[in-house]
Amino acid sequence: MESTNDNVRSQMRKGVLEYCILCILSHKEAYASSILDELKAANMLVVEGTLYPLLIRQKNQGLLSYRWEESPQGPPRKYYVITEKGREQLQEMDAAWQEMVNSIQTLRNL
């Protein structure tokens, strides 16, 4: 059973996950497993079942594209790449994030 604390963290993570994916892909193209690894390294614990629908949604919105590449170990890999539209969305998310952080800091310092 999930504690209240875990539930709060989970809901907050879900809210910023699409932002995190664009951040990762703004630095380099990546396949789903490496995106998961990057998220886990940043303590954003996410499972594949959560990641794939987000990648599909972002691709359908034109924020990402992908290409297939042969893998030396197993089947070909789908590498995701941020598009120009995705970079524009990321800039908007950066601004919105900073605005939110500033607002929360203001409220915390009342």
C-alpha atoms as a PDB file:
ATOM      1  CA  MET A   1       0.000   0.000   0.000  1.00  0.00           C
ATOM      2  CA  GLU A   2       1.348   3.399  -1.003  1.00  0.00           C
ATOM      3  CA  SER A   3       1.869   5.922   1.784  1.00  0.00           C
ATOM      4  CA  THR A   4       0.554   9.478   1.512  1.00  0.00           C
ATOM      5  CA  ASN A   5       4.135  10.699   1.051  1.00  0.00           C
ATOM      6  CA  ASP A   6       4.772   8.243  -1.797  1.00  0.00           C
ATOM      7  CA  ASN A   7       1.480   9.217  -3.429  1.00  0.00           C
ATOM      8  CA  VAL A   8       2.359  12.926  -3.305  1.00  0.00           C
ATOM      9  CA  ARG A   9       5.772  12.254  -4.863  1.00  0.00           C
ATOM     10  CA  SER A  10       4.214  10.012  -7.506  1.00  0.00           C
ATOM     11  CA  GLN A  11       1.642  12.632  -8.513  1.00  0.00           C
ATOM     12  CA  MET A  12       4.281  15.362  -8.691  1.00  0.00           C
ATOM     13  CA  ARG A  13       6.557  13.150 -10.825  1.00  0.00           C
ATOM     14  CA  LYS A  14       3.737  12.374 -13.252  1.00  0.00           C
ATOM     15  CA  GLY A  15       3.138  16.080 -13.653  1.00  0.00           C
ATOM     16  CA  VAL A  16       6.679  16.778 -14.821  1.00  0.00           C
ATOM     17  CA  LEU A  17       7.544  13.572 -16.661  1.00  0.00           C
ATOM     18  CA  GLU A  18       6.874  14.914 -20.165  1.00  0.00           C
ATOM     19  CA  TYR A  19       9.087  17.881 -19.326  1.00  0.00           C
ATOM     20  CA  CYS A  20      11.844  15.518 -18.126  1.00  0.00           C
ATOM     21  CA  ILE A  21      11.682  13.474 -21.347  1.00  0.00           C
ATOM     22  CA  LEU A  22      12.146  16.594 -23.465  1.00  0.00           C
ATOM     23  CA  CYS A  23      15.034  17.697 -21.224  1.00  0.00           C
ATOM     24  CA  ILE A  24      16.817  14.370 -21.743  1.00  0.00           C
ATOM     25  CA  LEU A  25      16.257  14.379 -25.498  1.00  0.00           C
ATOM     26  CA  SER A  26      17.389  18.003 -25.818  1.00  0.00           C
ATOM     27  CA  HIS A  27      20.916  16.778 -25.000  1.00  0.00           C
ATOM     28  CA  LYS A  28      21.012  13.639 -27.155  1.00  0.00           C
ATOM     29  CA  GLU A  29      18.829  11.138 -28.955  1.00  0.00           C
ATOM     30  CA  ALA A  30      18.010   8.086 -26.878  1.00  0.00           C
ATOM     31  CA  TYR A  31      16.083   4.830 -26.887  1.00  0.00           C
ATOM     32  CA  ALA A  32      13.449   4.069 -24.252  1.00  0.00           C
ATOM     33  CA  SER A  33      15.693   2.020 -21.948  1.00  0.00           C
ATOM     34  CA  SER A  34      18.330   4.753 -21.828  1.00  0.00           C
ATOM     35  CA  ILE A  35      15.617   7.372 -21.130  1.00  0.00           C
ATOM     36  CA  LEU A  36      14.458   5.195 -18.213  1.00  0.00           C
ATOM     37  CA  ASP A  37      18.077   4.935 -16.996  1.00  0.00           C
ATOM     38  CA  GLU A  38      18.472   8.731 -17.117  1.00  0.00           C
ATOM     39  CA  LEU A  39      15.215   9.214 -15.207  1.00  0.00           C
ATOM     40  CA  LYS A  40      16.236   6.645 -12.583  1.00  0.00           C
ATOM     41  CA  ALA A  41      19.669   8.294 -12.213  1.00  0.00           C
ATOM     42  CA  ALA A  42      17.823  11.523 -11.384  1.00  0.00           C
ATOM     43  CA  ASN A  43      15.616   9.680  -8.826  1.00  0.00           C
ATOM     44  CA  MET A  44      12.591   9.935 -11.133  1.00  0.00           C
ATOM     45  CA  LEU A  45      11.521   6.322 -10.758  1.00  0.00           C
ATOM     46  CA  VAL A  46       9.382   5.418 -13.757  1.00  0.00           C
ATOM     47  CA  VAL A  47       8.325   2.108 -15.258  1.00  0.00           C
ATOM     48  CA  GLU A  48       8.184   1.256 -18.961  1.00  0.00           C
ATOM     49  CA  GLY A  49       4.396   1.100 -18.835  1.00  0.00           C
ATOM     50  CA  THR A  50       4.350   4.783 -17.917  1.00  0.00           C
ATOM     51  CA  LEU A  51       7.072   5.904 -20.325  1.00  0.00           C
ATOM     52  CA  TYR A  52       5.842   4.407 -23.597  1.00  0.00           C
ATOM     53  CA  PRO A  53       2.420   6.114 -23.667  1.00  0.00           C
ATOM     54  CA  LEU A  54       4.135   9.459 -22.993  1.00  0.00           C
ATOM     55  CA  LEU A  55       6.623   8.904 -25.823  1.00  0.00           C
ATOM     56  CA  ILE A  56       3.771   8.001 -28.189  1.00  0.00           C
ATOM     57  CA  ARG A  57       1.766  11.065 -27.136  1.00  0.00           C
ATOM     58  CA  GLN A  58       4.773  13.382 -27.589  1.00  0.00           C
ATOM     59  CA  LYS A  59       5.494  11.833 -30.994  1.00  0.00           C
ATOM     60  CA  ASN A  60       1.859  12.307 -32.052  1.00  0.00           C
ATOM     61  CA  GLN A  61       2.067  15.947 -30.950  1.00  0.00           C
ATOM     62  CA  GLY A  62       5.115  16.421 -33.172  1.00  0.00           C
ATOM     63  CA  LEU A  63       7.462  17.006 -30.226  1.00  0.00           C
ATOM     64  CA  LEU A  64       9.531  13.885 -30.955  1.00  0.00           C
ATOM     65  CA  SER A  65      10.439  11.765 -33.918  1.00  0.00           C
ATOM     66  CA  TYR A  66      12.337   8.490 -33.995  1.00  0.00           C
ATOM     67  CA  ARG A  67      14.583   6.340 -36.121  1.00  0.00           C
ATOM     68  CA  TRP A  68      15.431   2.651 -36.023  1.00  0.00           C
ATOM     69  CA  GLU A  69      18.988   1.456 -35.490  1.00  0.00           C
ATOM     70  CA  GLU A  70      20.356  -2.069 -35.497  1.00  0.00           C
ATOM     71  CA  SER A  71      21.517  -3.212 -32.082  1.00  0.00           C
ATOM     72  CA  PRO A  72      24.549  -5.431 -31.481  1.00  0.00           C
ATOM     73  CA  GLN A  73      22.549  -7.123 -28.708  1.00  0.00           C
ATOM     74  CA  GLY A  74      19.073  -8.119 -29.796  1.00  0.00           C
ATOM     75  CA  PRO A  75      16.415  -6.436 -31.916  1.00  0.00           C
ATOM     76  CA  PRO A  76      16.732  -2.999 -33.551  1.00  0.00           C
ATOM     77  CA  ARG A  77      16.276  -0.029 -31.238  1.00  0.00           C
ATOM     78  CA  LYS A  78      13.959   2.932 -31.703  1.00  0.00           C
ATOM     79  CA  TYR A  79      15.935   6.123 -31.006  1.00  0.00           C
ATOM     80  CA  TYR A  80      13.848   9.153 -30.055  1.00  0.00           C
ATOM     81  CA  VAL A  81      14.877  12.630 -31.218  1.00  0.00           C
ATOM     82  CA  ILE A  82      13.465  15.976 -30.133  1.00  0.00           C
ATOM     83  CA  THR A  83      11.998  18.018 -33.014  1.00  0.00           C
ATOM     84  CA  GLU A  84      12.101  21.783 -33.503  1.00  0.00           C
ATOM     85  CA  LYS A  85       8.524  21.908 -32.198  1.00  0.00           C
ATOM     86  CA  GLY A  86       9.701  19.890 -29.191  1.00  0.00           C
ATOM     87  CA  ARG A  87      12.495  22.404 -28.538  1.00  0.00           C
ATOM     88  CA  GLU A  88       9.974  25.240 -28.649  1.00  0.00           C
ATOM     89  CA  GLN A  89       7.729  23.330 -26.226  1.00  0.00           C
ATOM     90  CA  LEU A  90      10.726  22.746 -23.955  1.00  0.00           C
ATOM     91  CA  GLN A  91      11.465  26.484 -23.877  1.00  0.00           C
ATOM     92  CA  GLU A  92       7.863  27.152 -22.872  1.00  0.00           C
ATOM     93  CA  MET A  93       8.067  24.447 -20.194  1.00  0.00           C
ATOM     94  CA  ASP A  94      11.342  25.919 -18.894  1.00  0.00           C
ATOM     95  CA  ALA A  95       9.648  29.310 -18.492  1.00  0.00           C
ATOM     96  CA  ALA A  96       6.556  27.785 -16.866  1.00  0.00           C
ATOM     97  CA  TRP A  97       8.724  25.712 -14.517  1.00  0.00           C
ATOM     98  CA  GLN A  98      10.749  28.749 -13.428  1.00  0.00           C
ATOM     99  CA  GLU A  99       7.541  30.714 -12.877  1.00  0.00           C
ATOM    100  CA  MET A 100       6.143  27.908 -10.725  1.00  0.00           C
ATOM    101  CA  VAL A 101       9.356  27.583  -8.688  1.00  0.00           C
ATOM    102  CA  ASN A 102       9.351  31.346  -8.088  1.00  0.00           C
ATOM    103  CA  SER A 103       5.688  31.268  -7.028  1.00  0.00           C
ATOM    104  CA  ILE A 104       6.273  28.416  -4.600  1.00  0.00           C
ATOM    105  CA  GLN A 105       9.348  30.154  -3.158  1.00  0.00           C
ATOM    106  CA  THR A 106       7.259  33.292  -2.636  1.00  0.00           C
ATOM    107  CA  LEU A 107       4.557  31.316  -0.833  1.00  0.00           C
ATOM    108  CA  ARG A 108       7.083  29.377   1.283  1.00  0.00           C
ATOM    109  CA  ASN A 109       8.681  32.637   2.398  1.00  0.00           C
ATOM    110  CA  LEU A 110       5.465  34.332   3.589  1.00  0.00           C
END
